[in-house]
Structure formats: C-alpha cells, structure tokens
C-alpha cells in the first residue's frame, strides 16, 4: 500500500515538472497576429438574409 502512494507521488511530481517546463520556457512571440479587423459585422448577403428574418 505504501509503494502505491509513492508511485502516485512520483507521477504527480513528474506531471508538475512537465507542466512547469512547458509554461516557463521562453518562446518567441510573434510581433503581429495575422488577423485584420473587419469594417462591418455582416456581409451584404448576410445582412439581407437577416432582414428577411
């Protein structure tokens, strides 16, 4: 029974270390995202369909 808890504790510690390594490693951040803001919410066809509803 004691070895079972030891194995669980080791697995938890390994999981915490893997989590910390992933989030603490420095990754290069892109300067700008490849997205653009649209000037309008709906296209002309979508607006027309919405008007019919």
PDB file of N, CA and C in Angstrom:
ATOM      1  N   UNK A   1       0.831  -1.198   0.000  1.00  0.00           N
ATOM      2  CA  UNK A   1       0.000   0.000   0.000  1.00  0.00           C
ATOM      3  C   UNK A   1       0.871   1.255   0.000  1.00  0.00           C
ATOM      4  N   UNK A   2       1.979   1.218   0.715  1.00  0.00           N
ATOM      5  CA  UNK A   2       2.876   2.367   0.779  1.00  0.00           C
ATOM      6  C   UNK A   2       3.542   2.634  -0.554  1.00  0.00           C
ATOM      7  N   UNK A   3       3.871   1.560  -1.296  1.00  0.00           N
ATOM      8  CA  UNK A   3       4.528   1.764  -2.584  1.00  0.00           C
ATOM      9  C   UNK A   3       3.553   2.358  -3.605  1.00  0.00           C
ATOM     10  N   UNK A   4       2.272   2.074  -3.441  1.00  0.00           N
ATOM     11  CA  UNK A   4       1.268   2.642  -4.331  1.00  0.00           C
ATOM     12  C   UNK A   4       1.259   4.161  -4.210  1.00  0.00           C
ATOM     13  N   UNK A   5       1.266   4.669  -2.975  1.00  0.00           N
ATOM     14  CA  UNK A   5       1.287   6.109  -2.757  1.00  0.00           C
ATOM     15  C   UNK A   5       2.590   6.734  -3.242  1.00  0.00           C
ATOM     16  N   UNK A   6       3.679   6.017  -3.118  1.00  0.00           N
ATOM     17  CA  UNK A   6       4.967   6.508  -3.608  1.00  0.00           C
ATOM     18  C   UNK A   6       4.928   6.670  -5.123  1.00  0.00           C
ATOM     19  N   UNK A   7       4.378   5.691  -5.819  1.00  0.00           N
ATOM     20  CA  UNK A   7       4.280   5.759  -7.277  1.00  0.00           C
ATOM     21  C   UNK A   7       3.378   6.920  -7.689  1.00  0.00           C
ATOM     22  N   UNK A   8       2.261   7.093  -7.005  1.00  0.00           N
ATOM     23  CA  UNK A   8       1.353   8.209  -7.302  1.00  0.00           C
ATOM     24  C   UNK A   8       2.057   9.545  -7.058  1.00  0.00           C
ATOM     25  N   UNK A   9       2.800   9.655  -5.964  1.00  0.00           N
ATOM     26  CA  UNK A   9       3.519  10.891  -5.654  1.00  0.00           C
ATOM     27  C   UNK A   9       4.559  11.201  -6.725  1.00  0.00           C
ATOM     28  N   UNK A  10       5.290  10.179  -7.187  1.00  0.00           N
ATOM     29  CA  UNK A  10       6.293  10.377  -8.230  1.00  0.00           C
ATOM     30  C   UNK A  10       5.619  10.833  -9.525  1.00  0.00           C
ATOM     31  N   UNK A  11       4.496  10.238  -9.885  1.00  0.00           N
ATOM     32  CA  UNK A  11       3.779  10.636 -11.093  1.00  0.00           C
ATOM     33  C   UNK A  11       3.269  12.076 -11.004  1.00  0.00           C
ATOM     34  N   UNK A  12       2.783  12.458  -9.838  1.00  0.00           N
ATOM     35  CA  UNK A  12       2.306  13.829  -9.653  1.00  0.00           C
ATOM     36  C   UNK A  12       3.471  14.813  -9.782  1.00  0.00           C
ATOM     37  N   UNK A  13       4.600  14.489  -9.176  1.00  0.00           N
ATOM     38  CA  UNK A  13       5.770  15.364  -9.269  1.00  0.00           C
ATOM     39  C   UNK A  13       6.241  15.477 -10.710  1.00  0.00           C
ATOM     40  N   UNK A  14       6.273  14.374 -11.442  1.00  0.00           N
ATOM     41  CA  UNK A  14       6.670  14.421 -12.853  1.00  0.00           C
ATOM     42  C   UNK A  14       5.696  15.256 -13.671  1.00  0.00           C
ATOM     43  N   UNK A  15       4.422  15.146 -13.382  1.00  0.00           N
ATOM     44  CA  UNK A  15       3.423  15.948 -14.082  1.00  0.00           C
ATOM     45  C   UNK A  15       3.594  17.434 -13.812  1.00  0.00           C
ATOM     46  N   UNK A  16       3.862  17.785 -12.560  1.00  0.00           N
ATOM     47  CA  UNK A  16       4.076  19.190 -12.214  1.00  0.00           C
ATOM     48  C   UNK A  16       5.333  19.715 -12.899  1.00  0.00           C
ATOM     49  N   UNK A  17       6.390  18.930 -12.939  1.00  0.00           N
ATOM     50  CA  UNK A  17       7.620  19.354 -13.603  1.00  0.00           C
ATOM     51  C   UNK A  17       7.414  19.541 -15.106  1.00  0.00           C
ATOM     52  N   UNK A  18       6.677  18.634 -15.735  1.00  0.00           N
ATOM     53  CA  UNK A  18       6.405  18.757 -17.170  1.00  0.00           C
ATOM     54  C   UNK A  18       5.568  20.004 -17.446  1.00  0.00           C
ATOM     55  N   UNK A  19       4.584  20.257 -16.587  1.00  0.00           N
ATOM     56  CA  UNK A  19       3.742  21.444 -16.728  1.00  0.00           C
ATOM     57  C   UNK A  19       4.570  22.715 -16.577  1.00  0.00           C
ATOM     58  N   UNK A  20       5.436  22.749 -15.576  1.00  0.00           N
ATOM     59  CA  UNK A  20       6.269  23.924 -15.332  1.00  0.00           C
ATOM     60  C   UNK A  20       7.249  24.139 -16.482  1.00  0.00           C
ATOM     61  N   UNK A  21       7.821  23.072 -17.000  1.00  0.00           N
ATOM     62  CA  UNK A  21       8.775  23.204 -18.102  1.00  0.00           C
ATOM     63  C   UNK A  21       8.092  23.793 -19.329  1.00  0.00           C
ATOM     64  N   UNK A  22       6.876  23.381 -19.611  1.00  0.00           N
ATOM     65  CA  UNK A  22       6.153  23.854 -20.794  1.00  0.00           C
ATOM     66  C   UNK A  22       5.825  25.337 -20.686  1.00  0.00           C
ATOM     67  N   UNK A  23       5.372  25.779 -19.524  1.00  0.00           N
ATOM     68  CA  UNK A  23       4.907  27.148 -19.395  1.00  0.00           C
ATOM     69  C   UNK A  23       5.981  28.136 -18.973  1.00  0.00           C
ATOM     70  N   UNK A  24       7.092  27.658 -18.451  1.00  0.00           N
ATOM     71  CA  UNK A  24       8.161  28.564 -18.053  1.00  0.00           C
ATOM     72  C   UNK A  24       9.222  28.735 -19.128  1.00  0.00           C
ATOM     73  N   UNK A  25       9.185  27.895 -20.151  1.00  0.00           N
ATOM     74  CA  UNK A  25      10.158  28.035 -21.231  1.00  0.00           C
ATOM     75  C   UNK A  25       9.806  29.267 -22.051  1.00  0.00           C
ATOM     76  N   UNK A  26      10.826  29.991 -22.452  1.00  0.00           N
ATOM     77  CA  UNK A  26      10.593  31.204 -23.219  1.00  0.00           C
ATOM     78  C   UNK A  26      10.426  30.859 -24.686  1.00  0.00           C
ATOM     79  N   UNK A  27       9.329  31.332 -25.233  1.00  0.00           N
ATOM     80  CA  UNK A  27       9.036  31.093 -26.641  1.00  0.00           C
ATOM     81  C   UNK A  27       9.027  32.442 -27.354  1.00  0.00           C
ATOM     82  N   UNK A  28       9.544  32.502 -28.554  1.00  0.00           N
ATOM     83  CA  UNK A  28       9.476  33.776 -29.280  1.00  0.00           C
ATOM     84  C   UNK A  28       8.025  34.113 -29.611  1.00  0.00           C
ATOM     85  N   UNK A  29       7.656  35.343 -29.309  1.00  0.00           N
ATOM     86  CA  UNK A  29       6.279  35.773 -29.563  1.00  0.00           C
ATOM     87  C   UNK A  29       6.222  36.517 -30.889  1.00  0.00           C
ATOM     88  N   UNK A  30       5.206  36.232 -31.701  1.00  0.00           N
ATOM     89  CA  UNK A  30       5.091  36.969 -32.968  1.00  0.00           C
ATOM     90  C   UNK A  30       4.777  38.433 -32.685  1.00  0.00           C
ATOM     91  N   UNK A  31       5.279  39.299 -33.533  1.00  0.00           N
ATOM     92  CA  UNK A  31       5.069  40.723 -33.312  1.00  0.00           C
ATOM     93  C   UNK A  31       3.629  41.128 -33.611  1.00  0.00           C
ATOM     94  N   UNK A  32       3.060  40.585 -34.662  1.00  0.00           N
ATOM     95  CA  UNK A  32       1.675  40.890 -35.010  1.00  0.00           C
ATOM     96  C   UNK A  32       0.971  39.603 -35.389  1.00  0.00           C
ATOM     97  N   UNK A  33      -0.266  39.528 -35.033  1.00  0.00           N
ATOM     98  CA  UNK A  33      -1.068  38.380 -35.426  1.00  0.00           C
ATOM     99  C   UNK A  33      -1.524  38.566 -36.872  1.00  0.00           C
ATOM    100  N   UNK A  34      -1.766  37.463 -37.582  1.00  0.00           N
ATOM    101  CA  UNK A  34      -2.137  37.579 -38.994  1.00  0.00           C
ATOM    102  C   UNK A  34      -3.620  37.891 -39.228  1.00  0.00           C
ATOM    103  N   UNK A  35      -4.247  38.563 -38.271  1.00  0.00           N
ATOM    104  CA  UNK A  35      -5.673  38.861 -38.399  1.00  0.00           C
ATOM    105  C   UNK A  35      -5.875  40.343 -38.674  1.00  0.00           C
ATOM    106  N   UNK A  36      -6.974  40.659 -39.360  1.00  0.00           N
ATOM    107  CA  UNK A  36      -7.347  42.040 -39.610  1.00  0.00           C
ATOM    108  C   UNK A  36      -8.740  42.284 -39.043  1.00  0.00           C
ATOM    109  N   UNK A  37      -8.977  43.487 -38.589  1.00  0.00           N
ATOM    110  CA  UNK A  37     -10.304  43.852 -38.113  1.00  0.00           C
ATOM    111  C   UNK A  37     -11.172  44.218 -39.311  1.00  0.00           C
ATOM    112  N   UNK A  38     -12.385  43.646 -39.343  1.00  0.00           N
ATOM    113  CA  UNK A  38     -13.305  43.955 -40.428  1.00  0.00           C
ATOM    114  C   UNK A  38     -14.022  45.264 -40.135  1.00  0.00           C
ATOM    115  N   UNK A  39     -14.400  45.964 -41.200  1.00  0.00           N
ATOM    116  CA  UNK A  39     -15.119  47.222 -41.036  1.00  0.00           C
ATOM    117  C   UNK A  39     -16.590  47.004 -40.688  1.00  0.00           C
ATOM    118  N   UNK A  40     -17.109  45.831 -40.921  1.00  0.00           N
ATOM    119  CA  UNK A  40     -18.518  45.566 -40.687  1.00  0.00           C
ATOM    120  C   UNK A  40     -18.680  44.169 -40.076  1.00  0.00           C
ATOM    121  N   UNK A  41     -19.803  43.946 -39.423  1.00  0.00           N
ATOM    122  CA  UNK A  41     -20.051  42.669 -38.765  1.00  0.00           C
ATOM    123  C   UNK A  41     -20.576  41.620 -39.740  1.00  0.00           C
ATOM    124  N   UNK A  42     -21.526  42.008 -40.579  1.00  0.00           N
ATOM    125  CA  UNK A  42     -22.152  41.082 -41.525  1.00  0.00           C
ATOM    126  C   UNK A  42     -21.835  41.487 -42.956  1.00  0.00           C
ATOM    127  N   UNK A  43     -21.751  40.492 -43.838  1.00  0.00           N
ATOM    128  CA  UNK A  43     -21.602  40.807 -45.266  1.00  0.00           C
ATOM    129  C   UNK A  43     -22.950  41.306 -45.790  1.00  0.00           C
ATOM    130  N   UNK A  44     -22.964  41.817 -47.009  1.00  0.00           N
ATOM    131  CA  UNK A  44     -24.204  42.335 -47.583  1.00  0.00           C
ATOM    132  C   UNK A  44     -25.245  41.218 -47.698  1.00  0.00           C
ATOM    133  N   UNK A  45     -24.829  40.018 -48.105  1.00  0.00           N
ATOM    134  CA  UNK A  45     -25.767  38.905 -48.240  1.00  0.00           C
ATOM    135  C   UNK A  45     -26.301  38.474 -46.868  1.00  0.00           C
ATOM    136  N   UNK A  46     -25.429  38.456 -45.858  1.00  0.00           N
ATOM    137  CA  UNK A  46     -25.874  38.082 -44.519  1.00  0.00           C
ATOM    138  C   UNK A  46     -26.847  39.119 -43.966  1.00  0.00           C
ATOM    139  N   UNK A  47     -26.561  40.395 -44.215  1.00  0.00           N
ATOM    140  CA  UNK A  47     -27.442  41.467 -43.741  1.00  0.00           C
ATOM    141  C   UNK A  47     -28.807  41.371 -44.415  1.00  0.00           C
ATOM    142  N   UNK A  48     -28.827  41.053 -45.706  1.00  0.00           N
ATOM    143  CA  UNK A  48     -30.085  40.912 -46.427  1.00  0.00           C
ATOM    144  C   UNK A  48     -30.882  39.737 -45.871  1.00  0.00           C
ATOM    145  N   UNK A  49     -30.204  38.622 -45.614  1.00  0.00           N
ATOM    146  CA  UNK A  49     -30.880  37.452 -45.053  1.00  0.00           C
ATOM    147  C   UNK A  49     -31.421  37.766 -43.655  1.00  0.00           C
ATOM    148  N   UNK A  50     -30.646  38.502 -42.859  1.00  0.00           N
ATOM    149  CA  UNK A  50     -31.084  38.869 -41.535  1.00  0.00           C
ATOM    150  C   UNK A  50     -32.313  39.775 -41.606  1.00  0.00           C
ATOM    151  N   UNK A  51     -32.354  40.632 -42.609  1.00  0.00           N
ATOM    152  CA  UNK A  51     -33.514  41.500 -42.780  1.00  0.00           C
ATOM    153  C   UNK A  51     -34.773  40.730 -43.123  1.00  0.00           C
ATOM    154  N   UNK A  52     -34.633  39.617 -43.834  1.00  0.00           N
ATOM    155  CA  UNK A  52     -35.785  38.784 -44.190  1.00  0.00           C
ATOM    156  C   UNK A  52     -36.342  38.100 -42.953  1.00  0.00           C
ATOM    157  N   UNK A  53     -35.468  37.732 -42.053  1.00  0.00           N
ATOM    158  CA  UNK A  53     -35.931  37.068 -40.827  1.00  0.00           C
ATOM    159  C   UNK A  53     -36.715  38.032 -39.976  1.00  0.00           C
TER     160      UNK A  53
END
